[in-house]
């Protein structure tokens, strides 16, 4: 059995760790609330943007617009959104498992892969994959990115699609459902216009001024950009939520461990006292003989 001094030292160490995880839990909770509000406030706009692209696809002869033309997929660009820091539970591992599964599926189908990675955790993995060509790596995005910060990623994806370097662009990200529920999802970004998207009655009845073609030419890039922005906001909200829960679990585990160590400390101290009493009693009996 460990000595009382060793157990006492461990109790102090665990309490210090608990203070750190508790502080990290509170920080993550604060950031999660802001990220959740940002993701929720733009979700309707993102949905409407997808519906608009889908409706324009139905109204215009898309064969003359490169970003709308679908073609057989021989190569694909995957935009993978991960975190810059760990201690977020299974957040990164879930995204990267989906990414690796997509690579395996494309390899079996003879599809070449290109990758844009957002986050250090993703870049650490991709740098070790010899069969994947990395187009770009981006770190330290703010939790409320603007159009200028997203422009390099959108421009690279659009250029590769127009030049037919890739035949599809997909985003692998984490969708925020609630504080305790997040799921990895794949969003199709290009070709633009989404055949499986349900178009609301308001969008179907909308008038496009001056005409559908003009709106399509001037708004398509912005609408595509909004899709990338929404996936990043959803991912940030999911990351901070999972980090908050991970730190809460770590704090709770530390509390349980302190209780167990305190019990062990009391038992060890009681055993030491009992041993000392036995030695005193034995010594007294020896002297009385």
Protein backbone atom coordinates (compact mmCIF):
# COMPACT_ATOMS: atom_id res chain seq x y z
CA UNK A 1 0.00 0.00 0.00
CA UNK A 2 1.23 3.51 -0.82
CA UNK A 3 2.29 5.66 2.08
CA UNK A 4 0.06 8.45 3.38
CA UNK A 5 2.54 11.00 2.07
CA UNK A 6 2.37 9.55 -1.45
CA UNK A 7 -1.44 9.45 -1.41
CA UNK A 8 -1.59 13.02 -0.10
CA UNK A 9 0.69 14.13 -2.92
CA UNK A 10 -1.55 12.41 -5.50
CA UNK A 11 -4.64 14.06 -4.03
CA UNK A 12 -3.01 17.48 -4.42
CA UNK A 13 -2.03 16.68 -8.01
CA UNK A 14 -5.53 15.51 -8.94
CA UNK A 15 -7.09 18.61 -7.35
CA UNK A 16 -4.80 20.84 -9.43
CA UNK A 17 -5.81 18.95 -12.58
CA UNK A 18 -9.46 19.32 -11.62
CA UNK A 19 -9.07 23.10 -11.36
CA UNK A 20 -7.58 23.19 -14.86
CA UNK A 21 -10.29 21.01 -16.44
CA UNK A 22 -13.00 23.02 -14.68
CA UNK A 23 -11.59 26.27 -16.06
CA UNK A 24 -11.37 24.75 -19.56
CA UNK A 25 -14.97 23.55 -19.23
CA UNK A 26 -16.16 27.07 -18.42
CA UNK A 27 -14.19 28.61 -21.29
CA UNK A 28 -15.54 26.01 -23.74
CA UNK A 29 -19.09 26.60 -22.48
CA UNK A 30 -18.77 30.34 -23.09
CA UNK A 31 -17.39 29.84 -26.60
CA UNK A 32 -19.98 27.17 -27.33
CA UNK A 33 -22.85 29.55 -26.60
CA UNK A 34 -21.46 32.15 -28.99
CA UNK A 35 -20.72 29.54 -31.67
CA UNK A 36 -24.17 27.99 -31.26
CA UNK A 37 -25.85 31.38 -31.69
CA UNK A 38 -23.77 32.06 -34.80
CA UNK A 39 -24.62 28.67 -36.35
CA UNK A 40 -28.32 29.01 -35.55
CA UNK A 41 -28.62 32.58 -36.83
CA UNK A 42 -27.24 31.71 -40.29
CA UNK A 43 -28.85 28.28 -40.73
CA UNK A 44 -31.99 29.66 -42.37
CA UNK A 45 -29.95 31.80 -44.77
CA UNK A 46 -27.81 28.80 -45.74
CA UNK A 47 -30.90 26.67 -46.37
CA UNK A 48 -32.46 29.42 -48.48
CA UNK A 49 -29.22 29.75 -50.46
CA UNK A 50 -29.30 26.02 -51.29
CA UNK A 51 -32.94 26.32 -52.36
CA UNK A 52 -32.12 29.30 -54.58
CA UNK A 53 -29.30 27.43 -56.29
CA UNK A 54 -31.59 24.46 -56.81
CA UNK A 55 -34.37 26.63 -58.22
CA UNK A 56 -32.01 28.47 -60.57
CA UNK A 57 -30.76 25.10 -61.77
CA UNK A 58 -34.34 24.23 -62.69
CA UNK A 59 -35.06 27.50 -64.51
CA UNK A 60 -31.85 28.07 -66.48
CA UNK A 61 -30.06 26.04 -69.12
CA UNK A 62 -27.18 25.01 -66.88
CA UNK A 63 -25.07 23.59 -69.71
CA UNK A 64 -23.60 27.06 -70.31
CA UNK A 65 -22.59 27.52 -66.64
CA UNK A 66 -19.48 25.63 -65.60
CA UNK A 67 -20.25 25.50 -61.87
CA UNK A 68 -23.62 23.82 -62.51
CA UNK A 69 -22.52 21.22 -65.04
CA UNK A 70 -22.35 17.74 -63.55
CA UNK A 71 -20.01 15.21 -65.08
CA UNK A 72 -18.77 11.69 -64.31
CA UNK A 73 -16.62 11.80 -61.19
CA UNK A 74 -13.02 10.86 -61.89
CA UNK A 75 -11.51 13.12 -59.24
CA UNK A 76 -12.87 14.74 -56.10
CA UNK A 77 -11.86 17.59 -53.79
CA UNK A 78 -12.62 16.99 -50.13
CA UNK A 79 -12.69 19.94 -47.73
CA UNK A 80 -12.16 18.51 -44.24
CA UNK A 81 -12.97 20.62 -41.16
CA UNK A 82 -11.17 19.64 -37.94
CA UNK A 83 -9.92 21.47 -34.85
CA UNK A 84 -6.62 23.18 -34.11
CA UNK A 85 -6.48 21.84 -30.55
CA UNK A 86 -7.32 18.54 -28.89
CA UNK A 87 -9.19 17.73 -25.68
CA UNK A 88 -12.51 17.71 -27.55
CA UNK A 89 -13.50 14.10 -27.08
CA UNK A 90 -14.14 12.20 -30.31
CA UNK A 91 -14.66 15.35 -32.38
CA UNK A 92 -11.61 15.01 -34.63
CA UNK A 93 -11.49 11.22 -34.71
CA UNK A 94 -15.10 11.05 -35.96
CA UNK A 95 -14.39 13.50 -38.80
CA UNK A 96 -11.17 11.79 -39.79
CA UNK A 97 -12.78 8.33 -39.76
CA UNK A 98 -15.38 9.62 -42.22
CA UNK A 99 -12.63 11.20 -44.31
CA UNK A 100 -10.61 7.97 -44.44
CA UNK A 101 -13.73 6.02 -45.33
CA UNK A 102 -14.38 8.45 -48.22
CA UNK A 103 -10.79 8.00 -49.43
CA UNK A 104 -11.16 4.22 -49.31
CA UNK A 105 -14.44 4.33 -51.21
CA UNK A 106 -13.03 6.63 -53.91
CA UNK A 107 -9.89 4.53 -54.25
CA UNK A 108 -12.01 1.44 -54.83
CA UNK A 109 -13.96 3.36 -57.49
CA UNK A 110 -10.80 4.67 -59.17
CA UNK A 111 -11.47 8.29 -58.16
CA UNK A 112 -8.46 10.52 -57.49
CA UNK A 113 -8.53 12.62 -54.33
CA UNK A 114 -7.47 16.16 -53.57
CA UNK A 115 -7.81 17.60 -50.08
CA UNK A 116 -8.12 20.99 -48.41
CA UNK A 117 -7.70 20.70 -44.65
CA UNK A 118 -8.98 23.15 -42.06
CA UNK A 119 -7.45 22.57 -38.61
CA UNK A 120 -4.14 21.23 -37.33
CA UNK A 121 -5.55 17.85 -36.30
CA UNK A 122 -6.59 17.12 -39.85
CA UNK A 123 -3.35 18.39 -41.37
CA UNK A 124 -1.34 16.13 -39.04
CA UNK A 125 -3.12 13.11 -40.48
CA UNK A 126 -3.19 14.17 -44.13
CA UNK A 127 0.54 14.91 -44.11
CA UNK A 128 1.11 11.18 -43.50
CA UNK A 129 -1.06 10.00 -46.41
CA UNK A 130 1.01 9.46 -49.52
CA UNK A 131 -1.92 8.80 -51.89
CA UNK A 132 -3.63 12.15 -51.24
CA UNK A 133 -2.63 15.41 -52.87
CA UNK A 134 -3.07 18.30 -50.43
CA UNK A 135 -4.21 21.52 -52.10
CA UNK A 136 -4.25 23.74 -49.01
CA UNK A 137 -3.97 23.72 -45.22
CA UNK A 138 -5.58 26.38 -43.02
CA UNK A 139 -5.12 26.92 -39.28
CA UNK A 140 -6.42 29.25 -36.58
CA UNK A 141 -9.67 30.36 -38.16
CA UNK A 142 -11.74 32.67 -35.95
CA UNK A 143 -15.05 31.26 -34.73
CA UNK A 144 -16.88 33.89 -36.81
CA UNK A 145 -15.02 33.89 -40.15
CA UNK A 146 -15.96 36.44 -42.78
CA UNK A 147 -15.98 36.29 -46.58
CA UNK A 148 -12.39 37.48 -46.92
CA UNK A 149 -11.10 34.65 -44.75
CA UNK A 150 -13.09 32.03 -46.69
CA UNK A 151 -12.24 33.45 -50.11
CA UNK A 152 -9.00 31.46 -50.65
CA UNK A 153 -10.78 28.17 -50.02
CA UNK A 154 -13.77 29.01 -52.21
CA UNK A 155 -11.54 30.33 -54.99
CA UNK A 156 -9.38 27.19 -54.99
CA UNK A 157 -12.41 24.89 -55.09
CA UNK A 158 -14.15 26.88 -57.84
CA UNK A 159 -11.03 27.13 -59.97
CA UNK A 160 -10.32 23.41 -59.72
CA UNK A 161 -13.90 22.64 -60.72
CA UNK A 162 -14.00 25.06 -63.64
CA UNK A 163 -10.66 23.78 -64.94
CA UNK A 164 -12.02 20.23 -64.55
CA UNK A 165 -9.16 19.24 -62.27
CA UNK A 166 -11.91 17.81 -60.05
CA UNK A 167 -15.42 16.70 -60.93
CA UNK A 168 -16.96 17.21 -57.47
CA UNK A 169 -16.30 19.16 -54.29
CA UNK A 170 -17.55 17.85 -50.94
CA UNK A 171 -17.22 19.15 -47.37
CA UNK A 172 -16.79 16.79 -44.41
CA UNK A 173 -17.82 18.58 -41.23
CA UNK A 174 -19.64 18.09 -37.91
CA UNK A 175 -23.29 19.12 -37.81
CA UNK A 176 -24.47 20.67 -34.55
CA UNK A 177 -27.82 19.28 -33.40
CA UNK A 178 -27.68 20.12 -29.71
CA UNK A 179 -25.24 20.39 -26.83
CA UNK A 180 -25.19 16.61 -26.44
CA UNK A 181 -25.78 15.62 -30.07
CA UNK A 182 -23.43 16.21 -32.99
CA UNK A 183 -22.97 14.16 -36.14
CA UNK A 184 -20.41 14.04 -38.92
CA UNK A 185 -21.95 14.91 -42.27
CA UNK A 186 -20.85 15.32 -45.88
CA UNK A 187 -22.18 18.28 -47.88
CA UNK A 188 -21.95 18.39 -51.66
CA UNK A 189 -20.68 21.84 -52.64
CA UNK A 190 -20.05 21.50 -56.38
CA UNK A 191 -21.58 21.10 -58.88
CA UNK A 192 -23.85 23.90 -57.70
CA UNK A 193 -27.57 23.36 -57.50
CA UNK A 194 -28.80 20.43 -55.46
CA UNK A 195 -31.18 18.03 -57.15
CA UNK A 196 -32.22 16.45 -53.85
CA UNK A 197 -32.96 19.79 -52.14
CA UNK A 198 -36.62 20.52 -51.42
CA UNK A 199 -37.62 23.96 -52.69
CA UNK A 200 -40.13 25.89 -50.60
CA UNK A 201 -43.27 27.45 -52.05
CA UNK A 202 -41.84 30.94 -51.53
CA UNK A 203 -38.77 30.17 -53.65
CA UNK A 204 -40.84 28.50 -56.38
CA UNK A 205 -43.07 31.56 -56.66
CA UNK A 206 -40.22 34.10 -56.45
CA UNK A 207 -39.47 36.48 -59.31
CA UNK A 208 -35.82 36.94 -60.25
CA UNK A 209 -34.80 40.44 -61.35
CA UNK A 210 -33.67 41.35 -63.93
CA UNK A 211 -33.81 37.64 -64.92
CA UNK A 212 -32.76 34.20 -63.73
CA UNK A 213 -29.53 34.16 -65.73
CA UNK A 214 -28.34 37.48 -64.32
CA UNK A 215 -29.04 36.37 -60.76
CA UNK A 216 -27.26 33.10 -61.36
CA UNK A 217 -24.16 34.77 -62.80
CA UNK A 218 -23.86 37.32 -59.99
CA UNK A 219 -24.99 35.38 -56.95
CA UNK A 220 -23.71 31.82 -57.42
CA UNK A 221 -20.31 32.36 -55.81
CA UNK A 222 -21.84 34.11 -52.80
CA UNK A 223 -24.39 31.35 -52.35
CA UNK A 224 -21.66 28.69 -52.56
CA UNK A 225 -19.60 30.67 -50.07
CA UNK A 226 -22.52 30.68 -47.65
CA UNK A 227 -22.56 26.86 -47.69
CA UNK A 228 -18.92 26.68 -46.64
CA UNK A 229 -19.49 29.32 -43.96
CA UNK A 230 -22.40 27.36 -42.48
CA UNK A 231 -20.42 24.11 -42.29
CA UNK A 232 -17.63 25.92 -40.45
CA UNK A 233 -20.03 27.52 -37.97
CA UNK A 234 -21.70 24.15 -37.35
CA UNK A 235 -18.27 22.58 -36.82
CA UNK A 236 -17.16 25.27 -34.36
CA UNK A 237 -20.34 24.87 -32.31
CA UNK A 238 -19.86 21.08 -32.28
CA UNK A 239 -16.19 21.36 -31.32
CA UNK A 240 -16.78 23.61 -28.32
CA UNK A 241 -19.76 21.54 -27.23
CA UNK A 242 -17.75 18.32 -27.30
CA UNK A 243 -14.81 20.01 -25.58
CA UNK A 244 -17.10 21.30 -22.84
CA UNK A 245 -18.53 17.81 -22.28
CA UNK A 246 -15.06 16.23 -22.35
CA UNK A 247 -13.78 18.68 -19.74
CA UNK A 248 -16.90 18.16 -17.62
CA UNK A 249 -16.31 14.41 -17.68
CA UNK A 250 -12.66 14.96 -16.79
CA UNK A 251 -13.67 17.21 -13.88
CA UNK A 252 -16.21 14.67 -12.63
CA UNK A 253 -13.65 11.87 -12.91
CA UNK A 254 -11.15 13.97 -10.97
CA UNK A 255 -13.73 14.49 -8.21
CA UNK A 256 -14.36 10.74 -8.03
CA UNK A 257 -10.65 10.05 -7.94
CA UNK A 258 -10.14 12.55 -5.10
CA UNK A 259 -12.84 10.77 -3.12
CA UNK A 260 -11.22 7.38 -3.73
CA UNK A 261 -7.78 8.70 -2.82
CA UNK A 262 -9.15 10.38 0.30
CA UNK A 263 -10.68 7.06 1.38
CA UNK A 264 -7.39 5.31 0.69
CA UNK A 265 -5.56 8.02 2.63
CA UNK A 266 -7.86 7.59 5.63
CA UNK A 267 -7.48 3.81 5.50
CA UNK A 268 -3.70 4.09 5.28
CA UNK A 269 -3.62 6.56 8.17
CA UNK A 270 -5.90 4.32 10.25
CA UNK A 271 -3.69 1.35 9.48
CA UNK A 272 -0.62 3.31 10.54
CA UNK A 273 -2.30 4.37 13.78
CA UNK A 274 -3.38 0.79 14.46
CA UNK A 275 0.16 -0.41 13.80
CA UNK A 276 1.60 2.20 16.16
CA UNK A 277 -0.90 1.24 18.89
CA UNK A 278 -0.03 -2.41 18.44
CA UNK A 279 3.68 -1.61 18.75
CA UNK A 280 3.10 0.48 21.88
CA UNK A 281 0.95 -2.23 23.43
CA UNK A 282 3.50 -4.88 22.56
CA UNK A 283 6.29 -2.77 24.03
CA UNK A 284 4.34 -2.14 27.23
CA UNK A 285 3.64 -5.85 27.65
CA UNK A 286 7.29 -6.68 27.10
CA UNK A 287 8.36 -4.21 29.77
CA UNK A 288 5.88 -5.57 32.31
CA UNK A 289 7.14 -9.14 32.04
